[in-house]
N, C-alpha and C. Protein backbone atom coordinates (compact mmCIF):
# COMPACT_ATOMS: atom_id res chain seq x y z
N MET A 1 -198.84 72.98 100.34
CA MET A 1 -199.25 71.87 99.50
C MET A 1 -200.76 71.93 99.31
N SER A 2 -201.20 71.87 98.07
CA SER A 2 -202.61 71.88 97.76
C SER A 2 -203.05 70.46 97.41
N ILE A 3 -204.03 69.93 98.12
CA ILE A 3 -204.52 68.58 97.88
C ILE A 3 -205.66 68.67 96.88
N THR A 4 -205.44 68.11 95.70
CA THR A 4 -206.42 68.18 94.64
C THR A 4 -206.18 67.08 93.62
N ARG A 5 -207.24 66.72 92.88
CA ARG A 5 -207.11 65.75 91.80
C ARG A 5 -207.08 66.43 90.44
N ASN A 6 -207.18 67.75 90.43
CA ASN A 6 -207.15 68.48 89.16
C ASN A 6 -205.76 68.45 88.55
N LYS A 7 -205.69 68.26 87.24
CA LYS A 7 -204.40 68.24 86.57
C LYS A 7 -203.79 69.64 86.50
N ASN A 8 -204.63 70.65 86.43
CA ASN A 8 -204.15 72.04 86.38
C ASN A 8 -204.83 72.84 87.50
N PRO A 9 -204.39 72.61 88.73
CA PRO A 9 -205.04 73.30 89.85
C PRO A 9 -204.67 74.77 89.90
N LEU A 10 -205.56 75.54 90.51
CA LEU A 10 -205.26 76.94 90.72
C LEU A 10 -204.18 77.08 91.79
N THR A 11 -203.20 77.90 91.54
CA THR A 11 -202.12 78.10 92.50
C THR A 11 -202.28 79.45 93.18
N ARG A 12 -202.10 79.44 94.47
CA ARG A 12 -202.18 80.67 95.25
C ARG A 12 -200.92 80.81 96.09
N MET A 13 -200.53 82.01 96.33
CA MET A 13 -199.34 82.29 97.13
C MET A 13 -199.77 82.70 98.53
N TYR A 14 -199.04 82.20 99.53
CA TYR A 14 -199.37 82.48 100.93
C TYR A 14 -198.13 83.02 101.63
N GLU A 15 -198.37 83.90 102.55
CA GLU A 15 -197.30 84.49 103.34
C GLU A 15 -197.52 84.20 104.81
N MET A 16 -196.43 84.08 105.54
CA MET A 16 -196.49 83.92 106.99
C MET A 16 -195.35 84.72 107.59
N CYS A 17 -195.72 85.68 108.44
CA CYS A 17 -194.72 86.55 109.09
C CYS A 17 -193.84 87.24 108.05
N GLY A 18 -194.46 87.63 106.94
CA GLY A 18 -193.73 88.35 105.92
C GLY A 18 -192.91 87.48 104.99
N GLU A 19 -192.93 86.17 105.20
CA GLU A 19 -192.17 85.24 104.36
C GLU A 19 -193.11 84.51 103.42
N LEU A 20 -192.73 84.45 102.16
CA LEU A 20 -193.52 83.76 101.16
C LEU A 20 -193.32 82.25 101.31
N LEU A 21 -194.42 81.52 101.48
CA LEU A 21 -194.33 80.07 101.67
C LEU A 21 -194.12 79.38 100.33
N GLN A 22 -193.16 78.47 100.31
CA GLN A 22 -192.86 77.74 99.09
C GLN A 22 -193.83 76.58 98.92
N GLN A 23 -194.37 76.42 97.73
CA GLN A 23 -195.32 75.35 97.46
C GLN A 23 -194.56 74.06 97.16
N THR A 24 -195.11 72.95 97.65
CA THR A 24 -194.48 71.66 97.44
C THR A 24 -195.54 70.62 97.08
N ARG A 25 -195.13 69.58 96.39
CA ARG A 25 -196.05 68.51 96.00
C ARG A 25 -196.12 67.41 97.05
N GLU A 26 -195.12 67.35 97.93
CA GLU A 26 -195.06 66.30 98.95
C GLU A 26 -194.57 66.91 100.25
N ALA A 27 -195.01 66.34 101.35
CA ALA A 27 -194.57 66.80 102.66
C ALA A 27 -194.65 65.64 103.64
N LYS A 28 -193.71 65.58 104.56
CA LYS A 28 -193.70 64.51 105.55
C LYS A 28 -194.34 65.02 106.83
N TYR A 29 -195.27 64.23 107.35
CA TYR A 29 -195.96 64.57 108.60
C TYR A 29 -195.97 63.35 109.49
N LEU A 30 -195.38 63.48 110.68
CA LEU A 30 -195.29 62.38 111.63
C LEU A 30 -194.71 61.12 111.00
N GLY A 31 -193.73 61.31 110.13
CA GLY A 31 -193.04 60.18 109.52
C GLY A 31 -193.71 59.60 108.30
N VAL A 32 -194.85 60.15 107.88
CA VAL A 32 -195.57 59.65 106.70
C VAL A 32 -195.53 60.71 105.62
N THR A 33 -195.12 60.34 104.42
CA THR A 33 -195.03 61.27 103.31
C THR A 33 -196.39 61.42 102.64
N LEU A 34 -196.93 62.63 102.69
CA LEU A 34 -198.21 62.94 102.06
C LEU A 34 -197.96 63.58 100.71
N SER A 35 -198.72 63.18 99.71
CA SER A 35 -198.63 63.75 98.37
C SER A 35 -199.90 64.52 98.07
N GLN A 36 -199.79 65.50 97.20
CA GLN A 36 -200.96 66.34 96.93
C GLN A 36 -202.08 65.58 96.22
N ASP A 37 -201.74 64.45 95.56
CA ASP A 37 -202.78 63.64 94.93
C ASP A 37 -203.28 62.53 95.85
N LEU A 38 -202.78 62.50 97.10
CA LEU A 38 -203.20 61.53 98.12
C LEU A 38 -202.89 60.08 97.71
N LYS A 39 -201.85 59.90 96.90
CA LYS A 39 -201.38 58.56 96.56
C LYS A 39 -200.16 58.26 97.42
N TRP A 40 -199.88 56.97 97.60
CA TRP A 40 -198.89 56.57 98.59
C TRP A 40 -197.61 55.99 98.00
N SER A 41 -197.43 56.08 96.70
CA SER A 41 -196.26 55.47 96.06
C SER A 41 -194.96 56.07 96.59
N THR A 42 -194.92 57.36 96.78
CA THR A 42 -193.69 58.00 97.28
C THR A 42 -193.34 57.49 98.66
N HIS A 43 -194.34 57.40 99.53
CA HIS A 43 -194.08 56.90 100.88
C HIS A 43 -193.68 55.43 100.86
N VAL A 44 -194.35 54.63 100.04
CA VAL A 44 -194.03 53.21 99.96
C VAL A 44 -192.60 53.01 99.47
N ASN A 45 -192.22 53.73 98.42
CA ASN A 45 -190.87 53.60 97.88
C ASN A 45 -189.82 54.01 98.91
N SER A 46 -190.09 55.07 99.63
CA SER A 46 -189.17 55.52 100.66
C SER A 46 -189.07 54.50 101.78
N THR A 47 -190.21 53.93 102.17
CA THR A 47 -190.23 52.93 103.23
C THR A 47 -189.47 51.68 102.82
N ALA A 48 -189.69 51.20 101.60
CA ALA A 48 -189.01 50.01 101.12
C ALA A 48 -187.51 50.24 101.00
N LYS A 49 -187.12 51.41 100.53
CA LYS A 49 -185.69 51.73 100.39
C LYS A 49 -185.01 51.76 101.75
N ARG A 50 -185.63 52.40 102.72
CA ARG A 50 -185.06 52.46 104.06
C ARG A 50 -184.99 51.07 104.69
N ALA A 51 -186.02 50.25 104.47
CA ALA A 51 -186.03 48.90 105.01
C ALA A 51 -184.93 48.04 104.39
N ASN A 52 -184.70 48.21 103.11
CA ASN A 52 -183.63 47.45 102.45
C ASN A 52 -182.26 47.84 102.99
N TYR A 53 -182.04 49.12 103.24
CA TYR A 53 -180.77 49.57 103.82
C TYR A 53 -180.55 48.90 105.18
N THR A 54 -181.59 48.90 106.00
CA THR A 54 -181.46 48.31 107.33
C THR A 54 -181.24 46.80 107.23
N LEU A 55 -181.95 46.15 106.33
CA LEU A 55 -181.79 44.71 106.16
C LEU A 55 -180.37 44.38 105.68
N ASN A 56 -179.82 45.18 104.80
CA ASN A 56 -178.43 44.98 104.36
C ASN A 56 -177.46 45.12 105.53
N PHE A 57 -177.73 46.09 106.39
CA PHE A 57 -176.87 46.28 107.57
C PHE A 57 -176.93 45.05 108.47
N LEU A 58 -178.13 44.53 108.70
CA LEU A 58 -178.27 43.34 109.53
C LEU A 58 -177.60 42.14 108.89
N SER A 59 -177.70 42.02 107.58
CA SER A 59 -177.08 40.89 106.88
C SER A 59 -175.57 40.88 107.04
N ARG A 60 -174.99 42.07 107.04
CA ARG A 60 -173.53 42.16 107.19
C ARG A 60 -173.09 41.88 108.62
N ASN A 61 -173.88 42.31 109.60
CA ASN A 61 -173.42 42.26 110.98
C ASN A 61 -173.96 41.08 111.79
N LEU A 62 -175.02 40.45 111.33
CA LEU A 62 -175.60 39.34 112.08
C LEU A 62 -175.53 38.03 111.29
N ARG A 63 -174.62 37.99 110.38
CA ARG A 63 -174.54 36.83 109.48
C ARG A 63 -174.34 35.51 110.23
N PHE A 64 -173.55 35.54 111.28
CA PHE A 64 -173.23 34.30 112.00
C PHE A 64 -174.00 34.16 113.31
N CYS A 65 -175.00 35.00 113.52
CA CYS A 65 -175.82 34.91 114.74
C CYS A 65 -176.86 33.80 114.58
N PRO A 66 -177.39 33.30 115.71
CA PRO A 66 -178.44 32.28 115.63
C PRO A 66 -179.66 32.79 114.88
N ARG A 67 -180.40 31.87 114.34
CA ARG A 67 -181.58 32.20 113.54
C ARG A 67 -182.58 33.04 114.32
N GLN A 68 -182.80 32.72 115.60
CA GLN A 68 -183.76 33.47 116.40
C GLN A 68 -183.35 34.92 116.55
N VAL A 69 -182.04 35.15 116.67
CA VAL A 69 -181.55 36.53 116.79
C VAL A 69 -181.80 37.29 115.50
N ARG A 70 -181.53 36.67 114.36
CA ARG A 70 -181.74 37.33 113.08
C ARG A 70 -183.22 37.65 112.87
N GLU A 71 -184.09 36.70 113.26
CA GLU A 71 -185.52 36.93 113.09
C GLU A 71 -186.00 38.07 113.98
N THR A 72 -185.55 38.07 115.23
CA THR A 72 -185.94 39.14 116.15
C THR A 72 -185.47 40.50 115.65
N ALA A 73 -184.25 40.54 115.12
CA ALA A 73 -183.71 41.79 114.59
C ALA A 73 -184.53 42.29 113.41
N TYR A 74 -184.94 41.36 112.55
CA TYR A 74 -185.76 41.75 111.40
C TYR A 74 -187.11 42.28 111.85
N PHE A 75 -187.78 41.57 112.76
CA PHE A 75 -189.07 42.02 113.24
C PHE A 75 -188.97 43.40 113.91
N SER A 76 -187.92 43.60 114.70
CA SER A 76 -187.80 44.82 115.51
C SER A 76 -187.36 46.03 114.71
N LEU A 77 -186.43 45.83 113.77
CA LEU A 77 -185.79 46.96 113.11
C LEU A 77 -186.24 47.18 111.67
N VAL A 78 -186.78 46.17 111.04
CA VAL A 78 -187.15 46.31 109.63
C VAL A 78 -188.67 46.22 109.45
N ARG A 79 -189.26 45.10 109.84
CA ARG A 79 -190.70 44.94 109.61
C ARG A 79 -191.51 45.98 110.35
N SER A 80 -191.10 46.32 111.56
CA SER A 80 -191.85 47.33 112.33
C SER A 80 -191.84 48.68 111.62
N SER A 81 -190.73 49.02 110.97
CA SER A 81 -190.65 50.30 110.26
C SER A 81 -191.54 50.29 109.02
N MET A 82 -191.70 49.12 108.38
CA MET A 82 -192.55 49.02 107.19
C MET A 82 -194.02 49.04 107.56
N GLU A 83 -194.34 48.83 108.84
CA GLU A 83 -195.74 48.80 109.26
C GLU A 83 -196.13 50.04 110.07
N TYR A 84 -195.22 50.98 110.20
CA TYR A 84 -195.52 52.20 110.94
C TYR A 84 -196.65 52.97 110.25
N SER A 85 -197.74 53.19 110.95
CA SER A 85 -198.91 53.93 110.44
C SER A 85 -199.50 53.30 109.18
N ALA A 86 -199.26 52.00 108.97
CA ALA A 86 -199.74 51.35 107.75
C ALA A 86 -201.25 51.31 107.66
N VAL A 87 -201.95 51.47 108.77
CA VAL A 87 -203.41 51.53 108.74
C VAL A 87 -203.87 52.68 107.85
N VAL A 88 -203.08 53.74 107.83
CA VAL A 88 -203.42 54.94 107.05
C VAL A 88 -203.05 54.77 105.59
N TRP A 89 -201.85 54.26 105.32
CA TRP A 89 -201.34 54.29 103.95
C TRP A 89 -201.31 52.92 103.26
N ASP A 90 -201.95 51.92 103.81
CA ASP A 90 -201.97 50.58 103.23
C ASP A 90 -202.20 50.67 101.72
N PRO A 91 -201.21 50.31 100.89
CA PRO A 91 -201.34 50.52 99.44
C PRO A 91 -202.28 49.52 98.78
N PHE A 92 -202.85 49.93 97.66
CA PHE A 92 -203.71 49.03 96.89
C PHE A 92 -203.14 48.75 95.50
N ARG A 93 -202.17 49.53 95.07
CA ARG A 93 -201.53 49.27 93.78
C ARG A 93 -200.57 48.09 93.92
N GLN A 94 -200.60 47.18 92.97
CA GLN A 94 -199.81 45.96 93.06
C GLN A 94 -198.33 46.25 93.11
N LYS A 95 -197.87 47.26 92.38
CA LYS A 95 -196.43 47.57 92.38
C LYS A 95 -195.96 48.04 93.75
N ASP A 96 -196.82 48.74 94.47
CA ASP A 96 -196.46 49.18 95.82
C ASP A 96 -196.48 48.01 96.79
N ILE A 97 -197.47 47.13 96.64
CA ILE A 97 -197.54 45.93 97.48
C ILE A 97 -196.30 45.07 97.27
N ASP A 98 -195.92 44.90 95.99
CA ASP A 98 -194.76 44.05 95.67
C ASP A 98 -193.46 44.64 96.20
N ALA A 99 -193.35 45.97 96.19
CA ALA A 99 -192.12 46.61 96.68
C ALA A 99 -191.88 46.29 98.15
N LEU A 100 -192.94 46.23 98.94
CA LEU A 100 -192.81 45.90 100.35
C LEU A 100 -192.61 44.40 100.56
N GLU A 101 -193.34 43.59 99.79
CA GLU A 101 -193.21 42.14 99.94
C GLU A 101 -191.82 41.67 99.53
N MET A 102 -191.18 42.37 98.62
CA MET A 102 -189.83 41.98 98.21
C MET A 102 -188.86 42.06 99.37
N VAL A 103 -189.03 43.04 100.24
CA VAL A 103 -188.18 43.15 101.42
C VAL A 103 -188.42 41.95 102.33
N ASN A 104 -189.67 41.60 102.51
CA ASN A 104 -190.03 40.46 103.37
C ASN A 104 -189.43 39.17 102.81
N ARG A 105 -189.42 39.02 101.50
CA ARG A 105 -188.88 37.82 100.87
C ARG A 105 -187.36 37.77 101.02
N ARG A 106 -186.72 38.91 100.89
CA ARG A 106 -185.27 38.96 101.11
C ARG A 106 -184.94 38.62 102.56
N ALA A 107 -185.79 39.08 103.47
CA ALA A 107 -185.55 38.81 104.88
C ALA A 107 -185.68 37.32 105.19
N ALA A 108 -186.55 36.62 104.47
CA ALA A 108 -186.70 35.18 104.69
C ALA A 108 -185.40 34.45 104.39
N ARG A 109 -184.72 34.84 103.34
CA ARG A 109 -183.43 34.22 103.02
C ARG A 109 -182.37 34.61 104.05
N PHE A 110 -182.42 35.85 104.52
CA PHE A 110 -181.46 36.29 105.53
C PHE A 110 -181.64 35.53 106.84
N VAL A 111 -182.88 35.38 107.28
CA VAL A 111 -183.15 34.72 108.56
C VAL A 111 -182.79 33.24 108.50
N THR A 112 -183.09 32.60 107.39
CA THR A 112 -182.83 31.16 107.26
C THR A 112 -181.41 30.87 106.75
N SER A 113 -180.69 31.91 106.35
CA SER A 113 -179.35 31.75 105.76
C SER A 113 -179.39 30.80 104.56
N ASN A 114 -180.47 30.87 103.83
CA ASN A 114 -180.66 30.01 102.67
C ASN A 114 -180.77 30.89 101.42
N TYR A 115 -179.70 30.91 100.64
CA TYR A 115 -179.66 31.74 99.44
C TYR A 115 -179.66 30.90 98.17
N ARG A 116 -179.94 29.61 98.29
CA ARG A 116 -180.00 28.75 97.11
C ARG A 116 -181.26 29.08 96.31
N ARG A 117 -181.11 29.36 95.05
CA ARG A 117 -182.23 29.80 94.23
C ARG A 117 -182.76 28.71 93.30
N GLN A 118 -182.01 27.67 93.12
CA GLN A 118 -182.43 26.64 92.18
C GLN A 118 -183.39 25.63 92.80
N ASP A 119 -183.11 25.21 94.01
CA ASP A 119 -183.92 24.14 94.61
C ASP A 119 -184.75 24.59 95.81
N VAL A 120 -184.65 25.86 96.21
CA VAL A 120 -185.42 26.35 97.36
C VAL A 120 -186.11 27.65 96.97
N SER A 121 -187.43 27.68 97.09
CA SER A 121 -188.19 28.89 96.76
C SER A 121 -188.41 29.73 98.01
N VAL A 122 -188.54 31.02 97.81
CA VAL A 122 -188.80 31.91 98.94
C VAL A 122 -190.18 31.62 99.54
N THR A 123 -191.13 31.24 98.68
CA THR A 123 -192.46 30.91 99.17
C THR A 123 -192.40 29.76 100.19
N ALA A 124 -191.56 28.76 99.90
CA ALA A 124 -191.40 27.64 100.84
C ALA A 124 -190.74 28.11 102.13
N LEU A 125 -189.79 29.03 102.03
CA LEU A 125 -189.13 29.54 103.23
C LEU A 125 -190.13 30.31 104.10
N LEU A 126 -190.95 31.12 103.46
CA LEU A 126 -191.95 31.89 104.21
C LEU A 126 -192.95 30.96 104.89
N ARG A 127 -193.31 29.89 104.22
CA ARG A 127 -194.24 28.93 104.80
C ARG A 127 -193.61 28.23 106.00
N ASP A 128 -192.34 27.87 105.89
CA ASP A 128 -191.66 27.22 107.00
C ASP A 128 -191.49 28.17 108.19
N LEU A 129 -191.27 29.45 107.88
CA LEU A 129 -191.13 30.44 108.94
C LEU A 129 -192.46 30.82 109.57
N LYS A 130 -193.56 30.47 108.88
CA LYS A 130 -194.92 30.81 109.33
C LYS A 130 -195.12 32.33 109.39
N TRP A 131 -194.54 33.00 108.39
CA TRP A 131 -194.72 34.45 108.28
C TRP A 131 -195.89 34.75 107.36
N PRO A 132 -196.91 35.46 107.81
CA PRO A 132 -197.94 35.93 106.87
C PRO A 132 -197.37 37.03 106.00
N SER A 133 -197.99 37.28 104.89
CA SER A 133 -197.53 38.37 104.03
C SER A 133 -197.75 39.70 104.74
N LEU A 134 -196.99 40.69 104.34
CA LEU A 134 -197.17 42.02 104.92
C LEU A 134 -198.54 42.58 104.56
N GLN A 135 -199.04 42.23 103.40
CA GLN A 135 -200.38 42.66 103.01
C GLN A 135 -201.43 42.11 103.96
N THR A 136 -201.28 40.85 104.35
CA THR A 136 -202.22 40.26 105.31
C THR A 136 -202.11 40.93 106.67
N ARG A 137 -200.91 41.24 107.09
CA ARG A 137 -200.71 41.90 108.38
C ARG A 137 -201.33 43.30 108.38
N ARG A 138 -201.21 44.02 107.26
CA ARG A 138 -201.83 45.34 107.18
C ARG A 138 -203.35 45.23 107.18
N HIS A 139 -203.85 44.23 106.49
CA HIS A 139 -205.31 43.98 106.50
C HIS A 139 -205.80 43.75 107.93
N ASP A 140 -205.09 42.92 108.68
CA ASP A 140 -205.48 42.64 110.06
C ASP A 140 -205.36 43.88 110.93
N ALA A 141 -204.34 44.70 110.68
CA ALA A 141 -204.16 45.92 111.47
C ALA A 141 -205.31 46.88 111.26
N ARG A 142 -205.84 46.96 110.04
CA ARG A 142 -206.99 47.83 109.80
C ARG A 142 -208.22 47.33 110.54
N LEU A 143 -208.41 46.02 110.59
CA LEU A 143 -209.55 45.47 111.32
C LEU A 143 -209.39 45.66 112.83
N VAL A 144 -208.17 45.55 113.31
CA VAL A 144 -207.91 45.80 114.73
C VAL A 144 -208.27 47.25 115.08
N MET A 145 -207.91 48.17 114.19
CA MET A 145 -208.27 49.57 114.42
C MET A 145 -209.79 49.76 114.44
N MET A 146 -210.49 49.05 113.57
CA MET A 146 -211.95 49.16 113.56
C MET A 146 -212.55 48.62 114.86
N TYR A 147 -211.96 47.57 115.40
CA TYR A 147 -212.41 47.05 116.69
C TYR A 147 -212.21 48.12 117.78
N LYS A 148 -211.07 48.79 117.74
CA LYS A 148 -210.79 49.83 118.72
C LYS A 148 -211.79 50.98 118.60
N ILE A 149 -212.10 51.37 117.36
CA ILE A 149 -213.07 52.45 117.14
C ILE A 149 -214.44 52.05 117.65
N THR A 150 -214.87 50.84 117.32
CA THR A 150 -216.19 50.37 117.71
C THR A 150 -216.35 50.29 119.22
N ASN A 151 -215.27 49.95 119.91
CA ASN A 151 -215.33 49.75 121.36
C ASN A 151 -214.75 50.93 122.15
N GLY A 152 -214.55 52.06 121.49
CA GLY A 152 -214.12 53.26 122.18
C GLY A 152 -212.72 53.18 122.76
N LEU A 153 -211.82 52.43 122.13
CA LEU A 153 -210.46 52.29 122.63
C LEU A 153 -209.50 53.31 122.04
N VAL A 154 -209.97 54.10 121.07
CA VAL A 154 -209.18 55.19 120.49
C VAL A 154 -210.07 56.42 120.41
N ALA A 155 -209.44 57.57 120.21
CA ALA A 155 -210.19 58.83 120.20
C ALA A 155 -210.82 59.09 118.84
N ILE A 156 -211.49 58.09 118.29
CA ILE A 156 -212.26 58.24 117.06
C ILE A 156 -213.66 57.73 117.37
N PRO A 157 -214.62 58.60 117.60
CA PRO A 157 -215.95 58.15 118.04
C PRO A 157 -216.65 57.35 116.95
N PRO A 158 -217.23 56.20 117.29
CA PRO A 158 -217.97 55.41 116.30
C PRO A 158 -219.22 56.10 115.79
N THR A 159 -219.61 57.19 116.45
CA THR A 159 -220.79 57.92 115.98
C THR A 159 -220.55 58.55 114.61
N ARG A 160 -219.28 58.62 114.17
CA ARG A 160 -218.98 59.15 112.85
C ARG A 160 -219.31 58.12 111.77
N LEU A 161 -219.57 56.88 112.18
CA LEU A 161 -219.94 55.82 111.25
C LEU A 161 -221.44 55.56 111.36
N THR A 162 -222.06 55.28 110.23
CA THR A 162 -223.50 55.05 110.22
C THR A 162 -223.79 53.56 110.36
N PRO A 163 -224.53 53.16 111.41
CA PRO A 163 -224.86 51.73 111.56
C PRO A 163 -225.65 51.22 110.36
N ALA A 164 -225.40 49.99 109.99
CA ALA A 164 -226.14 49.39 108.88
C ALA A 164 -227.58 49.13 109.29
N HIS A 165 -228.44 48.96 108.30
CA HIS A 165 -229.85 48.67 108.58
C HIS A 165 -229.96 47.33 109.30
N ALA A 166 -230.90 47.23 110.19
CA ALA A 166 -231.06 46.02 111.01
C ALA A 166 -231.23 44.77 110.16
N ARG A 167 -231.84 44.90 108.98
CA ARG A 167 -232.07 43.73 108.14
C ARG A 167 -230.78 43.14 107.59
N THR A 168 -229.70 43.94 107.54
CA THR A 168 -228.44 43.46 106.96
C THR A 168 -227.46 42.94 108.01
N ARG A 169 -227.87 42.90 109.26
CA ARG A 169 -226.96 42.50 110.32
C ARG A 169 -227.02 40.99 110.57
N ALA A 170 -226.78 40.26 109.53
CA ALA A 170 -226.85 38.80 109.65
C ALA A 170 -225.66 38.24 110.40
N ASN A 171 -224.47 38.77 110.14
CA ASN A 171 -223.26 38.24 110.77
C ASN A 171 -223.12 38.71 112.21
N HIS A 172 -223.28 40.01 112.42
CA HIS A 172 -223.11 40.56 113.77
C HIS A 172 -223.86 41.88 113.88
N ALA A 173 -223.96 42.40 115.09
CA ALA A 173 -224.78 43.59 115.35
C ALA A 173 -224.00 44.89 115.22
N HIS A 174 -222.72 44.83 114.82
CA HIS A 174 -221.90 46.04 114.76
C HIS A 174 -221.52 46.38 113.33
N LYS A 175 -222.39 46.09 112.39
CA LYS A 175 -222.12 46.42 111.00
C LYS A 175 -222.33 47.92 110.77
N TYR A 176 -221.57 48.45 109.78
CA TYR A 176 -221.71 49.85 109.39
C TYR A 176 -222.13 49.94 107.93
N ARG A 177 -222.77 51.04 107.61
CA ARG A 177 -223.18 51.26 106.23
C ARG A 177 -221.96 51.50 105.36
N THR A 178 -221.88 50.79 104.26
CA THR A 178 -220.72 50.92 103.37
C THR A 178 -220.76 52.25 102.64
N LEU A 179 -219.57 52.74 102.30
CA LEU A 179 -219.44 53.98 101.54
C LEU A 179 -219.32 53.65 100.06
N GLN A 180 -219.68 54.60 99.21
CA GLN A 180 -219.67 54.37 97.77
C GLN A 180 -218.90 55.46 97.04
N PRO A 181 -217.62 55.62 97.34
CA PRO A 181 -216.83 56.63 96.61
C PRO A 181 -216.56 56.17 95.18
N LYS A 182 -216.25 57.11 94.31
CA LYS A 182 -216.06 56.80 92.89
C LYS A 182 -214.59 56.72 92.50
N CYS A 183 -213.76 57.61 93.03
CA CYS A 183 -212.36 57.60 92.62
C CYS A 183 -211.57 56.61 93.48
N ASP A 184 -210.46 56.09 92.93
CA ASP A 184 -209.67 55.10 93.65
C ASP A 184 -209.10 55.65 94.95
N THR A 185 -208.72 56.93 94.95
CA THR A 185 -208.14 57.52 96.16
C THR A 185 -209.10 57.41 97.33
N ALA A 186 -210.37 57.67 97.10
CA ALA A 186 -211.37 57.57 98.17
C ALA A 186 -211.83 56.14 98.36
N LYS A 187 -211.89 55.37 97.27
CA LYS A 187 -212.38 54.00 97.34
C LYS A 187 -211.49 53.13 98.23
N PHE A 188 -210.18 53.42 98.22
CA PHE A 188 -209.24 52.63 99.01
C PHE A 188 -208.75 53.37 100.25
N ALA A 189 -209.47 54.42 100.65
CA ALA A 189 -209.19 55.07 101.92
C ALA A 189 -209.64 54.15 103.06
N TYR A 190 -209.23 54.47 104.28
CA TYR A 190 -209.41 53.53 105.38
C TYR A 190 -210.86 53.06 105.56
N PHE A 191 -211.79 53.97 105.78
CA PHE A 191 -213.15 53.56 106.11
C PHE A 191 -213.83 52.87 104.93
N ALA A 192 -213.70 53.43 103.74
CA ALA A 192 -214.35 52.83 102.57
C ALA A 192 -213.84 51.43 102.31
N ARG A 193 -212.59 51.20 102.60
CA ARG A 193 -211.97 49.90 102.34
C ARG A 193 -212.23 48.90 103.46
N THR A 194 -212.25 49.37 104.69
CA THR A 194 -212.28 48.47 105.84
C THR A 194 -213.68 48.09 106.27
N ILE A 195 -214.65 48.98 106.08
CA ILE A 195 -216.02 48.68 106.53
C ILE A 195 -216.55 47.39 105.92
N PRO A 196 -216.43 47.16 104.61
CA PRO A 196 -216.94 45.88 104.07
C PRO A 196 -216.24 44.66 104.66
N GLU A 197 -214.94 44.79 104.90
CA GLU A 197 -214.19 43.67 105.50
C GLU A 197 -214.65 43.43 106.95
N TRP A 198 -214.90 44.52 107.67
CA TRP A 198 -215.40 44.42 109.04
C TRP A 198 -216.79 43.79 109.06
N ASN A 199 -217.64 44.20 108.14
CA ASN A 199 -219.00 43.67 108.09
C ASN A 199 -219.03 42.17 107.80
N ASN A 200 -218.02 41.68 107.10
CA ASN A 200 -217.98 40.26 106.73
C ASN A 200 -217.43 39.36 107.83
N LEU A 201 -216.93 39.95 108.91
CA LEU A 201 -216.43 39.13 110.01
C LEU A 201 -217.58 38.43 110.72
N SER A 202 -217.27 37.35 111.37
CA SER A 202 -218.29 36.62 112.14
C SER A 202 -218.51 37.29 113.49
N ALA A 203 -219.65 37.01 114.09
CA ALA A 203 -219.95 37.56 115.41
C ALA A 203 -218.95 37.05 116.44
N HIS A 204 -218.46 35.85 116.26
CA HIS A 204 -217.47 35.29 117.19
C HIS A 204 -216.22 36.16 117.26
N VAL A 205 -215.84 36.74 116.13
CA VAL A 205 -214.65 37.59 116.10
C VAL A 205 -214.98 39.00 116.58
N VAL A 206 -216.03 39.59 116.03
CA VAL A 206 -216.37 40.98 116.34
C VAL A 206 -216.73 41.15 117.82
N ASP A 207 -217.41 40.19 118.41
CA ASP A 207 -217.87 40.30 119.79
C ASP A 207 -216.83 39.83 120.80
N SER A 208 -215.58 39.83 120.41
CA SER A 208 -214.51 39.42 121.33
C SER A 208 -214.52 40.32 122.57
N PRO A 209 -214.32 39.75 123.76
CA PRO A 209 -214.41 40.54 124.99
C PRO A 209 -213.23 41.47 125.23
N SER A 210 -212.13 41.28 124.50
CA SER A 210 -210.96 42.13 124.70
C SER A 210 -210.21 42.25 123.38
N LEU A 211 -209.30 43.20 123.33
CA LEU A 211 -208.51 43.41 122.12
C LEU A 211 -207.63 42.20 121.83
N ASP A 212 -207.02 41.64 122.87
CA ASP A 212 -206.18 40.46 122.67
C ASP A 212 -207.01 39.29 122.14
N ALA A 213 -208.20 39.14 122.65
CA ALA A 213 -209.07 38.06 122.18
C ALA A 213 -209.46 38.28 120.72
N PHE A 214 -209.71 39.54 120.35
CA PHE A 214 -210.05 39.85 118.96
C PHE A 214 -208.89 39.50 118.04
N LYS A 215 -207.68 39.88 118.42
CA LYS A 215 -206.51 39.57 117.59
C LYS A 215 -206.35 38.07 117.43
N SER A 216 -206.52 37.34 118.52
CA SER A 216 -206.36 35.88 118.47
C SER A 216 -207.43 35.24 117.58
N ARG A 217 -208.68 35.67 117.73
CA ARG A 217 -209.76 35.09 116.94
C ARG A 217 -209.64 35.48 115.47
N LEU A 218 -209.19 36.71 115.22
CA LEU A 218 -209.00 37.15 113.84
C LEU A 218 -207.92 36.32 113.16
N LEU A 219 -206.83 36.08 113.89
CA LEU A 219 -205.75 35.27 113.34
C LEU A 219 -206.20 33.85 113.05
N SER A 220 -206.97 33.28 113.96
CA SER A 220 -207.42 31.90 113.78
C SER A 220 -208.48 31.78 112.70
N SER A 221 -209.08 32.89 112.29
CA SER A 221 -210.10 32.84 111.25
C SER A 221 -209.51 32.77 109.85
N HIS A 222 -208.19 33.02 109.73
CA HIS A 222 -207.55 32.95 108.42
C HIS A 222 -207.49 31.51 107.94
N PRO A 223 -207.66 31.28 106.65
CA PRO A 223 -207.58 29.92 106.13
C PRO A 223 -206.17 29.37 106.23
C-alpha cells in the first residue's frame, strides 16, 4: 500500500522471497483499517456496521432483561468496540460522526425499551440516560492521551512536542506550540487537532495529580 495524496501516484512492484506483492488501497493493522489516502471512512463504516450487528443480537436476546443488564451489555460489547483506538481515527467528517452516533441513538431505545417515535425523542432518552455523545467521549479520550504523554505515562516522549512560548502560557504551564498543517488529513490528525484543545484547558484540569483526577476534572468541566 502506497500512502499518498496524489491522484495518479507512481506504482512500483515489490517482491519478497520471490513472490510478487499485491498492491492494495486498504489494509487492516491491529484492528484498524488504514487507507492509502489516510482517511477513515472505510474504518468508520466497518465499525458502525459491526456495532449494529452486535446491537441487533443484543436486542433479540436481551429484550426482557432488566435495563441495567441491557445498558451494561451495550457498554461492554458495542460501545467499547466503537471506541477501540478511537484516539487515532477520531473522524472529523460529519457523515462519519453521524454513522457512529446513529448506533448510540439506536442503543438508547434498546436500553430504555422505548420505541415510540411520535411522543418520545431519542435526544430526550439520551439525556435521561446521561450518556454523552460518542464524539464527546472521543474528544475526552484524546485529551486523556495528551495527559499521559505530558506526564510520561505512555511510551511517547513529550520531547517530540514543542513547548509554547512562555508569554502564551496564561492557562497553564504545559502548553504546546500549535501545528499549522494545510490539508485536512494532517489538520485533523491527533497532535494538530488535540494540542489547541489541550492548551485551552484550565490549570485545575491539566495539573491534576493523577490520571483518575484528570478524568474526573475533565468530565466536570463540561457544560
